[in-house]
Amino acid sequence: MIWLSIGLLSLLALAPAFFTLWKRARTIRDERSTALALHEAQLAEVDRDLAIGLIAPTEHDVAILEIQRRILAADAAPSTARANSSAMLGWFGLAAVPALAIGLYLTNGAPSLPAQPLGPRLVAQHLQNRKTDALIAQLQQAIAGLPADDPNKRQGYLMLGQLEASGDHYAQAADAWGQALALGFEPELAARTAEAMTRAEHHVSAQALAFFRKALDAAPKDADWRPAVQGRIAQGEHDQENP
């Protein structure tokens, strides 16, 4: 089925090009046929003029030679040859496109795998979202019941932020991680909190910029996330200078 789909899509995409190339080739043939028909009519006219005595035989022979020369020139014009060559190249290129498309698909595609309909995937995603929301609600209830000095409270906020971020709820994730930061600072957690703020607000706010700077100042020299934080700081400074 995938091959039929690729073939139909290729034909649909190339239909305008096929039509344009066919129309151009037909126009060239019509122009050539028109020129040959005109010269044949001139030959008949010259013969008629000779028959009724309007021209001498020598003039008739000269006219015939000239018209024949024009016929040969029209039949073998360089522009016509170039046009035919270009048309052949165009037809070959259009025919090669589907084959190239299939080759490109085979480099990374897997035609043996079954199709993945969108409907079941949306249902599965909806069920997963409901399950995640239920976990978030349970975790929030558990955190609210913990004493302020309970060490599990910070771990609960970390898990809550992770769950919120997995559902692209970046504002809620930043809030949860911010609560964890208030209970114990970590450079990487500060950077993660600032990144969640940035994604939620679609720009590096002043608060996120402060978190990024604080995280970078306390980060180990070999931390692999330092370059990303430096890039965010540069972006934030630019946003602050050009609001």
Protein backbone atom coordinates (compact mmCIF):
# COMPACT_ATOMS: atom_id res chain seq x y z
CA MET A 1 0.00 0.00 0.00
CA ILE A 2 2.88 2.35 0.78
CA TRP A 3 4.25 1.94 -2.77
CA LEU A 4 0.89 2.75 -4.32
CA SER A 5 0.64 5.85 -2.11
CA ILE A 6 4.14 6.98 -3.11
CA GLY A 7 3.31 6.46 -6.79
CA LEU A 8 0.01 8.35 -6.61
CA LEU A 9 1.54 11.22 -4.66
CA SER A 10 4.41 11.43 -7.16
CA LEU A 11 2.00 11.58 -10.10
CA LEU A 12 -0.11 14.19 -8.35
CA ALA A 13 2.91 16.35 -7.53
CA LEU A 14 4.35 16.03 -11.06
CA ALA A 15 1.05 16.53 -12.92
CA PRO A 16 1.62 20.30 -13.49
CA ALA A 17 5.12 19.63 -14.80
CA PHE A 18 3.88 16.87 -17.12
CA PHE A 19 1.17 19.16 -18.50
CA THR A 20 3.56 22.06 -19.06
CA LEU A 21 6.12 19.84 -20.82
CA TRP A 22 3.45 18.22 -23.00
CA LYS A 23 1.98 21.60 -23.91
CA ARG A 24 5.42 22.98 -24.83
CA ALA A 25 6.23 19.96 -27.02
CA ARG A 26 2.85 20.24 -28.74
CA THR A 27 3.40 23.95 -29.41
CA ILE A 28 6.76 23.19 -31.05
CA ARG A 29 5.20 20.50 -33.23
CA ASP A 30 2.36 22.84 -34.22
CA GLU A 31 4.83 25.58 -35.19
CA ARG A 32 6.84 23.12 -37.33
CA SER A 33 3.69 21.76 -38.99
CA THR A 34 2.47 25.29 -39.70
CA ALA A 35 5.79 26.24 -41.31
CA LEU A 36 5.85 23.10 -43.49
CA ALA A 37 2.23 23.64 -44.55
CA LEU A 38 3.05 27.24 -45.52
CA HIS A 39 6.02 26.20 -47.65
CA GLU A 40 3.99 23.46 -49.35
CA ALA A 41 1.36 26.04 -50.19
CA GLN A 42 4.10 28.26 -51.65
CA LEU A 43 5.27 25.35 -53.82
CA ALA A 44 1.75 24.87 -55.14
CA GLU A 45 1.45 28.61 -55.80
CA VAL A 46 4.72 28.68 -57.75
CA ASP A 47 3.62 25.71 -59.84
CA ARG A 48 0.33 27.47 -60.53
CA ASP A 49 2.12 30.70 -61.53
CA LEU A 50 4.29 28.71 -63.93
CA ALA A 51 1.25 26.98 -65.40
CA ILE A 52 -0.55 30.25 -66.15
CA GLY A 53 2.61 31.94 -67.41
CA LEU A 54 3.16 34.48 -64.65
CA ILE A 55 6.78 33.37 -64.15
CA ALA A 56 9.44 31.93 -66.43
CA PRO A 57 10.76 28.36 -66.00
CA THR A 58 14.10 29.67 -64.71
CA GLU A 59 12.32 31.79 -62.12
CA HIS A 60 10.22 28.76 -61.21
CA ASP A 61 13.32 26.64 -60.62
CA VAL A 62 14.93 29.33 -58.45
CA ALA A 63 11.73 29.73 -56.42
CA ILE A 64 11.44 25.95 -55.98
CA LEU A 65 15.01 25.73 -54.73
CA GLU A 66 14.47 28.58 -52.27
CA ILE A 67 11.25 27.07 -50.90
CA GLN A 68 12.90 23.65 -50.56
CA ARG A 69 15.77 25.29 -48.69
CA ARG A 70 13.27 26.89 -46.31
CA ILE A 71 11.54 23.54 -45.80
CA LEU A 72 14.84 21.89 -44.90
CA ALA A 73 15.74 24.79 -42.60
CA ALA A 74 12.40 24.61 -40.82
CA ASP A 75 12.65 20.83 -40.47
CA ALA A 76 16.18 20.90 -39.06
CA ALA A 77 16.25 24.22 -37.22
CA PRO A 78 18.74 24.28 -34.28
CA SER A 79 16.01 25.65 -32.01
CA THR A 80 13.82 22.67 -32.83
CA ALA A 81 16.65 20.23 -32.17
CA ARG A 82 17.46 21.92 -28.88
CA ALA A 83 13.79 21.92 -27.94
CA ASN A 84 13.47 18.21 -28.69
CA SER A 85 16.61 17.50 -26.68
CA SER A 86 15.34 19.58 -23.76
CA ALA A 87 11.96 17.86 -23.92
CA MET A 88 13.58 14.42 -23.82
CA LEU A 89 15.72 15.48 -20.86
CA GLY A 90 12.64 16.87 -19.12
CA TRP A 91 10.65 13.67 -19.64
CA PHE A 92 13.57 11.62 -18.36
CA GLY A 93 13.92 13.83 -15.27
CA LEU A 94 10.21 13.61 -14.47
CA ALA A 95 10.24 9.84 -14.86
CA ALA A 96 13.23 9.58 -12.52
CA VAL A 97 11.58 11.56 -9.70
CA PRO A 98 9.40 8.70 -8.36
CA ALA A 99 12.37 6.33 -8.42
CA LEU A 100 14.49 8.85 -6.53
CA ALA A 101 11.65 9.41 -4.04
CA ILE A 102 11.44 5.66 -3.36
CA GLY A 103 15.23 5.47 -2.97
CA LEU A 104 15.19 8.37 -0.54
CA TYR A 105 12.40 6.74 1.45
CA LEU A 106 14.29 3.45 1.65
CA THR A 107 17.34 5.14 3.20
CA ASN A 108 15.43 5.74 6.46
CA GLY A 109 11.95 4.33 5.95
CA ALA A 110 10.63 0.94 6.99
CA PRO A 111 7.91 -0.17 4.56
CA SER A 112 7.52 -3.51 6.37
CA LEU A 113 6.21 -1.80 9.51
CA PRO A 114 2.41 -1.53 9.85
CA ALA A 115 0.73 1.85 9.55
CA GLN A 116 0.24 3.92 12.68
CA PRO A 117 -3.28 5.44 12.48
CA LEU A 118 -3.70 8.78 14.17
CA GLY A 119 -6.93 7.92 16.01
CA PRO A 120 -5.55 5.16 18.28
CA ARG A 121 -2.47 7.25 19.02
CA LEU A 122 -4.64 10.17 20.11
CA VAL A 123 -6.67 7.87 22.34
CA ALA A 124 -3.51 6.45 23.89
CA GLN A 125 -2.13 9.95 24.41
CA HIS A 126 -5.37 11.04 26.05
CA LEU A 127 -5.29 8.05 28.42
CA GLN A 128 -1.67 8.78 29.26
CA ASN A 129 -2.50 12.42 29.97
CA ARG A 130 -5.35 11.38 32.30
CA LYS A 131 -3.02 9.00 34.10
CA THR A 132 -0.37 11.70 34.46
CA ASP A 133 -2.96 14.21 35.75
CA ALA A 134 -4.09 11.68 38.35
CA LEU A 135 -0.49 11.13 39.48
CA ILE A 136 0.06 14.89 39.69
CA ALA A 137 -3.06 15.32 41.82
CA GLN A 138 -2.01 12.49 44.17
CA LEU A 139 1.51 13.88 44.46
CA GLN A 140 0.26 17.39 45.19
CA GLN A 141 -2.00 16.00 47.91
CA ALA A 142 0.88 14.02 49.41
CA ILE A 143 3.21 17.03 49.39
CA ALA A 144 0.59 19.23 51.05
CA GLY A 145 0.32 16.72 53.89
CA LEU A 146 4.07 16.72 54.64
CA PRO A 147 5.57 18.94 57.36
CA ALA A 148 7.68 21.88 56.19
CA ASP A 149 10.88 20.32 57.59
CA ASP A 150 10.30 16.89 56.07
CA PRO A 151 13.16 16.06 53.61
CA ASN A 152 10.69 14.15 51.43
CA LYS A 153 8.93 17.43 50.65
CA ARG A 154 11.78 18.62 48.42
CA GLN A 155 11.92 15.27 46.64
CA GLY A 156 8.18 15.49 46.10
CA TYR A 157 8.51 18.87 44.42
CA LEU A 158 11.26 17.49 42.18
CA MET A 159 9.03 14.63 41.07
CA LEU A 160 6.09 16.99 40.62
CA GLY A 161 8.14 19.28 38.40
CA GLN A 162 9.27 16.31 36.31
CA LEU A 163 5.69 15.14 35.80
CA GLU A 164 4.52 18.63 34.83
CA ALA A 165 7.39 19.06 32.38
CA SER A 166 6.64 15.68 30.76
CA GLY A 167 3.21 17.08 29.85
CA ASP A 168 4.67 20.38 28.56
CA HIS A 169 3.20 22.23 31.56
CA TYR A 170 6.30 24.37 31.89
CA ALA A 171 4.81 27.07 34.11
CA GLN A 172 3.68 24.48 36.65
CA ALA A 173 7.02 22.67 36.38
CA ALA A 174 8.91 25.91 37.05
CA ASP A 175 6.73 26.56 40.09
CA ALA A 176 7.34 23.06 41.51
CA TRP A 177 11.09 23.23 40.90
CA GLY A 178 11.15 26.71 42.38
CA GLN A 179 9.64 25.26 45.57
CA ALA A 180 12.36 22.61 45.60
CA LEU A 181 15.03 25.26 45.11
CA ALA A 182 13.72 27.14 48.12
CA LEU A 183 14.32 23.99 50.18
CA GLY A 184 17.83 23.41 48.84
CA PHE A 185 19.81 25.06 46.03
CA GLU A 186 21.39 23.04 43.22
CA PRO A 187 22.96 24.67 40.13
CA GLU A 188 21.46 22.18 37.67
CA LEU A 189 18.02 22.46 39.24
CA ALA A 190 18.23 26.27 39.01
CA ALA A 191 19.11 25.98 35.32
CA ARG A 192 16.23 23.54 34.78
CA THR A 193 13.83 25.90 36.55
CA ALA A 194 14.98 28.86 34.43
CA GLU A 195 14.61 26.81 31.26
CA ALA A 196 11.04 25.87 32.21
CA MET A 197 10.28 29.56 32.84
CA THR A 198 11.73 30.45 29.45
CA ARG A 199 9.65 27.84 27.63
CA ALA A 200 6.51 28.87 29.47
CA GLU A 201 6.97 32.60 28.70
CA HIS A 202 8.62 32.11 25.26
CA HIS A 203 11.47 34.45 26.23
CA VAL A 204 14.15 34.80 28.89
CA SER A 205 12.52 36.87 31.62
CA ALA A 206 14.45 38.81 34.24
CA GLN A 207 13.70 36.14 36.84
CA ALA A 208 14.83 33.34 34.53
CA LEU A 209 17.98 35.28 33.65
CA ALA A 210 18.79 35.61 37.38
CA PHE A 211 18.36 31.86 37.83
CA PHE A 212 20.58 31.15 34.81
CA ARG A 213 23.33 33.41 36.13
CA LYS A 214 23.13 31.92 39.60
CA ALA A 215 23.27 28.40 38.16
CA LEU A 216 26.29 29.24 35.99
CA ASP A 217 28.18 30.82 38.88
CA ALA A 218 27.76 27.68 40.99
CA ALA A 219 28.09 25.13 38.18
CA PRO A 220 31.08 22.76 38.02
CA LYS A 221 33.62 23.64 35.34
CA ASP A 222 33.01 20.35 33.52
CA ALA A 223 29.20 20.50 33.57
CA ASP A 224 27.90 19.56 30.12
CA TRP A 225 24.98 22.00 30.40
CA ARG A 226 27.16 25.10 30.86
CA PRO A 227 27.19 26.06 27.12
CA ALA A 228 23.38 25.90 26.97
CA VAL A 229 23.08 28.14 30.02
CA GLN A 230 25.61 30.59 28.58
CA GLY A 231 23.55 30.77 25.41
CA ARG A 232 20.39 31.47 27.40
CA ILE A 233 22.18 34.20 29.37
CA ALA A 234 23.28 35.86 26.13
CA GLN A 235 19.72 35.61 24.81
CA GLY A 236 18.33 37.06 28.05
CA GLU A 237 20.77 39.98 28.05
CA HIS A 238 19.83 40.73 24.48
CA ASP A 239 16.12 40.59 25.36
CA GLN A 240 16.67 42.93 28.30
CA GLU A 241 18.58 45.44 26.14
CA ASN A 242 16.03 45.23 23.30
CA PRO A 243 12.62 44.77 24.95
